[in-house]
């Protein structure tokens, strides 16, 4: 059970979303691969995303992200930076936490509104289950 102070500014959506990503090299002269890696988010908020990857992306790595938020709208395109990497025990999988560094304010608001709506719905359903 979490007993410390919550550090996140935004509500999180603990549902899977398809995330396409490319790493952006530190040196502009380095070539970016035209290929996009595809991962599934564990959770998503207006401030960032957490996902699992078979690649050990280093802390500080800049990411170009495309998040498939809805089938009826284009993906959210933004930049992020890797803040935390956690190796999963007994696997070659890494948990990656990335904060958004450049995201359209409308996309940030849409993600936050959706997260709040889902949270309210889940809390409402939880309360109904105990009535």
N, C-alpha and C. Protein backbone atom coordinates (compact mmCIF):
# COMPACT_ATOMS: atom_id res chain seq x y z
N UNK A 1 0.84 -1.18 0.00
CA UNK A 1 0.00 0.00 0.00
C UNK A 1 0.89 1.25 0.00
N UNK A 2 0.58 2.20 -0.84
CA UNK A 2 1.35 3.43 -0.96
C UNK A 2 0.99 4.36 0.18
N UNK A 3 2.00 4.80 0.92
CA UNK A 3 1.73 5.69 2.07
C UNK A 3 2.46 7.02 1.95
N UNK A 4 3.30 7.18 0.92
CA UNK A 4 4.04 8.43 0.73
C UNK A 4 3.20 9.44 -0.03
N UNK A 5 3.79 10.61 -0.26
CA UNK A 5 3.11 11.66 -0.99
C UNK A 5 3.19 11.38 -2.49
N UNK A 6 2.07 11.47 -3.18
CA UNK A 6 2.02 11.27 -4.63
C UNK A 6 2.76 12.41 -5.31
N UNK A 7 3.69 12.07 -6.21
CA UNK A 7 4.49 13.08 -6.90
C UNK A 7 3.91 13.44 -8.27
N UNK A 8 3.02 12.64 -8.78
CA UNK A 8 2.48 12.90 -10.10
C UNK A 8 1.49 14.05 -10.07
N UNK A 9 1.56 14.88 -11.12
CA UNK A 9 0.64 16.01 -11.24
C UNK A 9 -0.68 15.60 -11.88
N UNK A 10 -0.67 14.51 -12.64
CA UNK A 10 -1.84 14.13 -13.42
C UNK A 10 -2.30 12.72 -13.08
N UNK A 11 -3.58 12.51 -13.25
CA UNK A 11 -4.18 11.18 -13.10
C UNK A 11 -3.59 10.26 -14.17
N UNK A 12 -3.49 8.97 -13.87
CA UNK A 12 -2.95 8.00 -14.82
C UNK A 12 -4.05 7.06 -15.31
N UNK A 13 -3.90 6.63 -16.56
CA UNK A 13 -4.79 5.64 -17.15
C UNK A 13 -4.03 4.33 -17.16
N UNK A 14 -4.51 3.36 -16.38
CA UNK A 14 -3.83 2.06 -16.33
C UNK A 14 -4.49 1.11 -17.31
N UNK A 15 -4.39 1.43 -18.58
CA UNK A 15 -4.93 0.62 -19.66
C UNK A 15 -3.88 0.59 -20.76
N UNK A 16 -3.87 -0.47 -21.55
CA UNK A 16 -2.85 -0.55 -22.61
C UNK A 16 -3.16 0.34 -23.81
N UNK A 17 -2.14 1.03 -24.29
CA UNK A 17 -2.21 1.82 -25.50
C UNK A 17 -0.99 1.47 -26.34
N UNK A 18 -1.17 1.43 -27.65
CA UNK A 18 -0.05 1.17 -28.55
C UNK A 18 0.81 2.43 -28.63
N UNK A 19 2.11 2.28 -28.41
CA UNK A 19 3.04 3.39 -28.48
C UNK A 19 4.13 3.04 -29.49
N UNK A 20 4.29 3.90 -30.48
CA UNK A 20 5.41 3.76 -31.41
C UNK A 20 6.47 4.75 -30.97
N UNK A 21 7.74 4.32 -31.01
CA UNK A 21 8.79 5.21 -30.56
C UNK A 21 10.06 5.05 -31.37
N UNK A 22 10.80 6.14 -31.43
CA UNK A 22 12.14 6.18 -31.99
C UNK A 22 13.00 6.95 -31.01
N UNK A 23 14.25 6.54 -30.88
CA UNK A 23 15.17 7.33 -30.07
C UNK A 23 15.73 8.46 -30.94
N UNK A 24 15.91 9.60 -30.33
CA UNK A 24 16.49 10.75 -31.02
C UNK A 24 17.93 10.88 -30.54
N UNK A 25 18.88 10.81 -31.47
CA UNK A 25 20.29 10.85 -31.07
C UNK A 25 20.68 12.20 -30.48
N UNK A 26 21.67 12.17 -29.59
CA UNK A 26 22.16 13.41 -28.99
C UNK A 26 22.87 14.28 -30.02
N UNK A 27 23.57 13.65 -30.93
CA UNK A 27 24.30 14.37 -31.97
C UNK A 27 23.43 14.45 -33.21
N UNK A 28 23.14 15.64 -33.71
CA UNK A 28 22.28 15.78 -34.89
C UNK A 28 22.81 15.06 -36.12
N UNK A 29 24.12 14.83 -36.18
CA UNK A 29 24.70 14.18 -37.35
C UNK A 29 24.45 12.67 -37.34
N UNK A 30 24.12 12.12 -36.18
CA UNK A 30 23.85 10.68 -36.12
C UNK A 30 22.57 10.38 -36.89
N UNK A 31 22.55 9.24 -37.51
CA UNK A 31 21.42 8.86 -38.33
C UNK A 31 20.34 8.20 -37.46
N UNK A 32 19.10 8.63 -37.65
CA UNK A 32 17.97 8.01 -36.96
C UNK A 32 17.47 6.87 -37.84
N UNK A 33 17.25 5.73 -37.25
CA UNK A 33 16.68 4.62 -37.99
C UNK A 33 15.28 4.99 -38.44
N UNK A 34 14.90 4.64 -39.67
CA UNK A 34 13.54 4.95 -40.12
C UNK A 34 12.50 4.03 -39.46
N UNK A 35 12.97 3.00 -38.77
CA UNK A 35 12.06 2.05 -38.14
C UNK A 35 11.55 2.58 -36.81
N UNK A 36 10.32 2.25 -36.51
CA UNK A 36 9.71 2.61 -35.24
C UNK A 36 9.56 1.34 -34.42
N UNK A 37 9.91 1.40 -33.14
CA UNK A 37 9.64 0.29 -32.23
C UNK A 37 8.21 0.43 -31.75
N UNK A 38 7.55 -0.68 -31.53
CA UNK A 38 6.19 -0.65 -31.04
C UNK A 38 6.14 -1.34 -29.68
N UNK A 39 5.56 -0.66 -28.70
CA UNK A 39 5.41 -1.19 -27.35
C UNK A 39 3.97 -0.93 -26.91
N UNK A 40 3.61 -1.50 -25.79
CA UNK A 40 2.29 -1.28 -25.21
C UNK A 40 2.49 -0.60 -23.86
N UNK A 41 1.77 0.51 -23.66
CA UNK A 41 1.91 1.22 -22.39
C UNK A 41 1.27 0.42 -21.26
N UNK A 42 1.84 0.56 -20.08
CA UNK A 42 1.21 0.02 -18.87
C UNK A 42 0.29 1.07 -18.29
N UNK A 43 0.78 2.31 -18.29
CA UNK A 43 -0.09 3.42 -17.90
C UNK A 43 0.35 4.69 -18.61
N UNK A 44 -0.59 5.60 -18.68
CA UNK A 44 -0.41 6.83 -19.44
C UNK A 44 -1.06 7.97 -18.67
N UNK A 45 -0.40 9.10 -18.64
CA UNK A 45 -0.96 10.30 -18.04
C UNK A 45 -0.58 11.49 -18.87
N UNK A 46 -1.11 12.65 -18.55
CA UNK A 46 -0.82 13.85 -19.32
C UNK A 46 0.63 14.29 -19.17
N UNK A 47 1.33 13.73 -18.20
CA UNK A 47 2.73 14.10 -17.98
C UNK A 47 3.73 13.10 -18.52
N UNK A 48 3.26 11.88 -18.86
CA UNK A 48 4.20 10.88 -19.36
C UNK A 48 3.58 9.52 -19.52
N UNK A 49 4.44 8.55 -19.80
CA UNK A 49 3.99 7.19 -20.09
C UNK A 49 4.96 6.19 -19.48
N UNK A 50 4.44 5.03 -19.09
CA UNK A 50 5.27 3.92 -18.62
C UNK A 50 4.98 2.74 -19.51
N UNK A 51 6.05 2.08 -19.99
CA UNK A 51 5.88 0.94 -20.87
C UNK A 51 7.02 -0.04 -20.64
N UNK A 52 6.86 -1.24 -21.17
CA UNK A 52 7.90 -2.26 -21.11
C UNK A 52 8.53 -2.38 -22.48
N UNK A 53 9.85 -2.59 -22.49
CA UNK A 53 10.59 -2.69 -23.74
C UNK A 53 11.67 -3.75 -23.60
N UNK A 54 12.01 -4.36 -24.72
CA UNK A 54 13.14 -5.30 -24.72
C UNK A 54 14.46 -4.55 -24.87
N UNK A 55 14.38 -3.24 -25.13
CA UNK A 55 15.58 -2.41 -25.25
C UNK A 55 15.81 -1.65 -23.95
N UNK A 56 17.06 -1.63 -23.53
CA UNK A 56 17.43 -0.88 -22.33
C UNK A 56 17.73 0.55 -22.75
N UNK A 57 16.69 1.37 -22.78
CA UNK A 57 16.85 2.78 -23.12
C UNK A 57 17.47 3.49 -21.93
N UNK A 58 18.53 4.19 -22.13
CA UNK A 58 19.22 4.84 -21.02
C UNK A 58 18.47 6.04 -20.48
N UNK A 59 18.67 6.31 -19.21
CA UNK A 59 18.09 7.51 -18.60
C UNK A 59 18.62 8.72 -19.35
N UNK A 60 17.72 9.63 -19.68
CA UNK A 60 18.10 10.82 -20.42
C UNK A 60 17.90 10.69 -21.92
N UNK A 61 17.56 9.48 -22.40
CA UNK A 61 17.33 9.27 -23.83
C UNK A 61 16.09 10.04 -24.26
N UNK A 62 16.20 10.78 -25.36
CA UNK A 62 15.06 11.51 -25.91
C UNK A 62 14.31 10.60 -26.86
N UNK A 63 12.98 10.61 -26.74
CA UNK A 63 12.12 9.74 -27.54
C UNK A 63 11.14 10.54 -28.38
N UNK A 64 10.95 10.10 -29.60
CA UNK A 64 9.88 10.58 -30.46
C UNK A 64 8.76 9.56 -30.29
N UNK A 65 7.60 10.00 -29.83
CA UNK A 65 6.51 9.09 -29.47
C UNK A 65 5.26 9.35 -30.31
N UNK A 66 4.58 8.27 -30.68
CA UNK A 66 3.27 8.33 -31.30
C UNK A 66 2.39 7.37 -30.50
N UNK A 67 1.39 7.92 -29.81
CA UNK A 67 0.56 7.13 -28.91
C UNK A 67 -0.81 6.95 -29.53
N UNK A 68 -1.17 5.69 -29.80
CA UNK A 68 -2.48 5.36 -30.35
C UNK A 68 -3.52 5.43 -29.25
N UNK A 69 -4.06 6.60 -29.07
CA UNK A 69 -4.98 6.84 -27.96
C UNK A 69 -6.40 6.41 -28.30
N UNK A 70 -6.78 6.54 -29.56
CA UNK A 70 -8.14 6.23 -29.99
C UNK A 70 -8.11 5.77 -31.43
N UNK A 71 -8.97 4.84 -31.78
CA UNK A 71 -9.05 4.40 -33.18
C UNK A 71 -9.75 5.42 -34.05
N UNK A 72 -10.44 6.36 -33.44
CA UNK A 72 -11.18 7.36 -34.21
C UNK A 72 -10.43 8.68 -34.37
N UNK A 73 -9.20 8.75 -33.86
CA UNK A 73 -8.43 10.00 -33.99
C UNK A 73 -6.97 9.65 -34.28
N UNK A 74 -6.24 10.60 -34.85
CA UNK A 74 -4.82 10.34 -35.13
C UNK A 74 -4.05 10.16 -33.83
N UNK A 75 -2.88 9.53 -33.90
CA UNK A 75 -2.11 9.33 -32.67
C UNK A 75 -1.63 10.65 -32.09
N UNK A 76 -1.43 10.64 -30.79
CA UNK A 76 -0.82 11.77 -30.11
C UNK A 76 0.67 11.70 -30.41
N UNK A 77 1.21 12.77 -30.99
CA UNK A 77 2.64 12.82 -31.31
C UNK A 77 3.31 13.79 -30.36
N UNK A 78 4.38 13.32 -29.71
CA UNK A 78 5.07 14.15 -28.73
C UNK A 78 6.50 13.67 -28.56
N UNK A 79 7.26 14.44 -27.81
CA UNK A 79 8.62 14.06 -27.44
C UNK A 79 8.64 13.77 -25.94
N UNK A 80 9.52 12.87 -25.57
CA UNK A 80 9.66 12.54 -24.16
C UNK A 80 11.10 12.27 -23.81
N UNK A 81 11.36 12.17 -22.53
CA UNK A 81 12.70 11.85 -22.05
C UNK A 81 12.59 10.73 -21.02
N UNK A 82 13.48 9.75 -21.12
CA UNK A 82 13.47 8.61 -20.20
C UNK A 82 13.95 9.08 -18.84
N UNK A 83 13.10 8.88 -17.83
CA UNK A 83 13.42 9.28 -16.46
C UNK A 83 13.87 8.11 -15.59
N UNK A 84 13.32 6.94 -15.89
CA UNK A 84 13.57 5.78 -15.03
C UNK A 84 13.59 4.51 -15.88
N UNK A 85 14.51 3.62 -15.57
CA UNK A 85 14.59 2.32 -16.23
C UNK A 85 14.70 1.27 -15.13
N UNK A 86 13.84 0.28 -15.20
CA UNK A 86 13.86 -0.78 -14.19
C UNK A 86 13.90 -2.13 -14.89
N UNK A 87 14.96 -2.88 -14.65
CA UNK A 87 15.07 -4.21 -15.24
C UNK A 87 14.11 -5.15 -14.51
N UNK A 88 13.34 -5.88 -15.28
CA UNK A 88 12.40 -6.82 -14.70
C UNK A 88 13.13 -8.11 -14.33
N UNK A 89 12.94 -8.61 -13.11
CA UNK A 89 13.68 -9.79 -12.66
C UNK A 89 13.46 -11.00 -13.57
N UNK A 90 14.54 -11.71 -13.81
CA UNK A 90 14.53 -12.98 -14.55
C UNK A 90 14.06 -12.85 -16.00
N UNK A 91 14.10 -11.64 -16.56
CA UNK A 91 13.71 -11.43 -17.96
C UNK A 91 14.69 -10.48 -18.62
N UNK A 92 14.52 -10.31 -19.90
CA UNK A 92 15.31 -9.30 -20.62
C UNK A 92 14.43 -8.11 -20.96
N UNK A 93 13.45 -7.85 -20.12
CA UNK A 93 12.49 -6.76 -20.32
C UNK A 93 12.80 -5.63 -19.33
N UNK A 94 12.60 -4.40 -19.82
CA UNK A 94 12.85 -3.22 -19.00
C UNK A 94 11.59 -2.39 -18.88
N UNK A 95 11.29 -1.92 -17.68
CA UNK A 95 10.21 -0.96 -17.46
C UNK A 95 10.77 0.42 -17.69
N UNK A 96 10.13 1.19 -18.57
CA UNK A 96 10.64 2.51 -18.95
C UNK A 96 9.60 3.57 -18.58
N UNK A 97 10.02 4.55 -17.80
CA UNK A 97 9.16 5.70 -17.48
C UNK A 97 9.71 6.91 -18.24
N UNK A 98 8.84 7.54 -19.03
CA UNK A 98 9.24 8.71 -19.81
C UNK A 98 8.30 9.86 -19.53
N UNK A 99 8.87 11.04 -19.36
CA UNK A 99 8.09 12.27 -19.17
C UNK A 99 7.98 12.98 -20.50
N UNK A 100 6.82 13.56 -20.77
CA UNK A 100 6.65 14.33 -21.99
C UNK A 100 7.40 15.65 -21.86
N UNK A 101 8.18 15.98 -22.88
CA UNK A 101 8.91 17.24 -22.88
C UNK A 101 8.34 18.22 -23.90
N UNK A 102 7.68 17.69 -24.90
CA UNK A 102 7.04 18.53 -25.91
C UNK A 102 5.77 17.81 -26.37
N UNK A 103 4.62 18.39 -26.00
CA UNK A 103 3.33 17.81 -26.34
C UNK A 103 2.35 18.97 -26.56
N UNK A 104 1.52 18.83 -27.56
CA UNK A 104 0.51 19.85 -27.81
C UNK A 104 -0.41 19.94 -26.60
N UNK A 105 -0.70 21.16 -26.17
CA UNK A 105 -1.52 21.36 -24.96
C UNK A 105 -2.90 20.71 -25.10
N UNK A 106 -3.47 20.71 -26.29
CA UNK A 106 -4.78 20.05 -26.50
C UNK A 106 -4.68 18.55 -26.26
N UNK A 107 -3.57 17.94 -26.70
CA UNK A 107 -3.37 16.51 -26.46
C UNK A 107 -3.18 16.23 -24.97
N UNK A 108 -2.43 17.08 -24.29
CA UNK A 108 -2.24 16.92 -22.85
C UNK A 108 -3.58 17.00 -22.12
N UNK A 109 -4.39 17.99 -22.48
CA UNK A 109 -5.70 18.15 -21.85
C UNK A 109 -6.61 16.98 -22.15
N UNK A 110 -6.57 16.46 -23.38
CA UNK A 110 -7.40 15.31 -23.75
C UNK A 110 -7.01 14.07 -22.96
N UNK A 111 -5.72 13.84 -22.82
CA UNK A 111 -5.25 12.69 -22.03
C UNK A 111 -5.69 12.85 -20.58
N UNK A 112 -5.51 14.03 -20.02
CA UNK A 112 -5.87 14.26 -18.63
C UNK A 112 -7.37 14.11 -18.40
N UNK A 113 -8.18 14.66 -19.30
CA UNK A 113 -9.64 14.55 -19.17
C UNK A 113 -10.07 13.09 -19.25
N UNK A 114 -9.49 12.34 -20.17
CA UNK A 114 -9.84 10.92 -20.31
C UNK A 114 -9.44 10.16 -19.05
N UNK A 115 -8.26 10.45 -18.52
CA UNK A 115 -7.81 9.77 -17.29
C UNK A 115 -8.74 10.08 -16.13
N UNK A 116 -9.15 11.34 -16.00
CA UNK A 116 -10.07 11.72 -14.91
C UNK A 116 -11.42 11.05 -15.10
N UNK A 117 -11.93 11.01 -16.35
CA UNK A 117 -13.22 10.36 -16.61
C UNK A 117 -13.16 8.87 -16.28
N UNK A 118 -12.08 8.20 -16.67
CA UNK A 118 -11.95 6.77 -16.38
C UNK A 118 -11.85 6.55 -14.87
N UNK A 119 -11.08 7.40 -14.18
CA UNK A 119 -10.94 7.28 -12.74
C UNK A 119 -12.29 7.44 -12.04
N UNK A 120 -13.06 8.45 -12.46
CA UNK A 120 -14.39 8.66 -11.86
C UNK A 120 -15.30 7.47 -12.11
N UNK A 121 -15.27 6.94 -13.34
CA UNK A 121 -16.11 5.80 -13.69
C UNK A 121 -15.72 4.58 -12.87
N UNK A 122 -14.42 4.32 -12.73
CA UNK A 122 -13.97 3.18 -11.95
C UNK A 122 -14.34 3.34 -10.48
N UNK A 123 -14.20 4.55 -9.92
CA UNK A 123 -14.60 4.79 -8.53
C UNK A 123 -16.10 4.63 -8.35
N UNK A 124 -16.88 5.09 -9.33
CA UNK A 124 -18.33 4.94 -9.28
C UNK A 124 -18.72 3.46 -9.30
N UNK A 125 -18.09 2.71 -10.20
CA UNK A 125 -18.39 1.28 -10.29
C UNK A 125 -17.96 0.54 -9.04
N UNK A 126 -16.83 0.96 -8.45
CA UNK A 126 -16.36 0.34 -7.21
C UNK A 126 -17.35 0.60 -6.08
N UNK A 127 -17.85 1.83 -5.98
CA UNK A 127 -18.83 2.15 -4.95
C UNK A 127 -20.11 1.36 -5.15
N UNK A 128 -20.55 1.22 -6.40
CA UNK A 128 -21.78 0.45 -6.70
C UNK A 128 -21.62 -1.00 -6.32
N UNK A 129 -20.41 -1.54 -6.46
CA UNK A 129 -20.17 -2.95 -6.13
C UNK A 129 -20.35 -3.22 -4.66
N UNK A 130 -20.14 -2.20 -3.82
CA UNK A 130 -20.24 -2.39 -2.38
C UNK A 130 -21.60 -1.94 -1.81
N UNK A 131 -22.51 -1.51 -2.65
CA UNK A 131 -23.82 -1.07 -2.16
C UNK A 131 -24.77 -2.22 -2.11
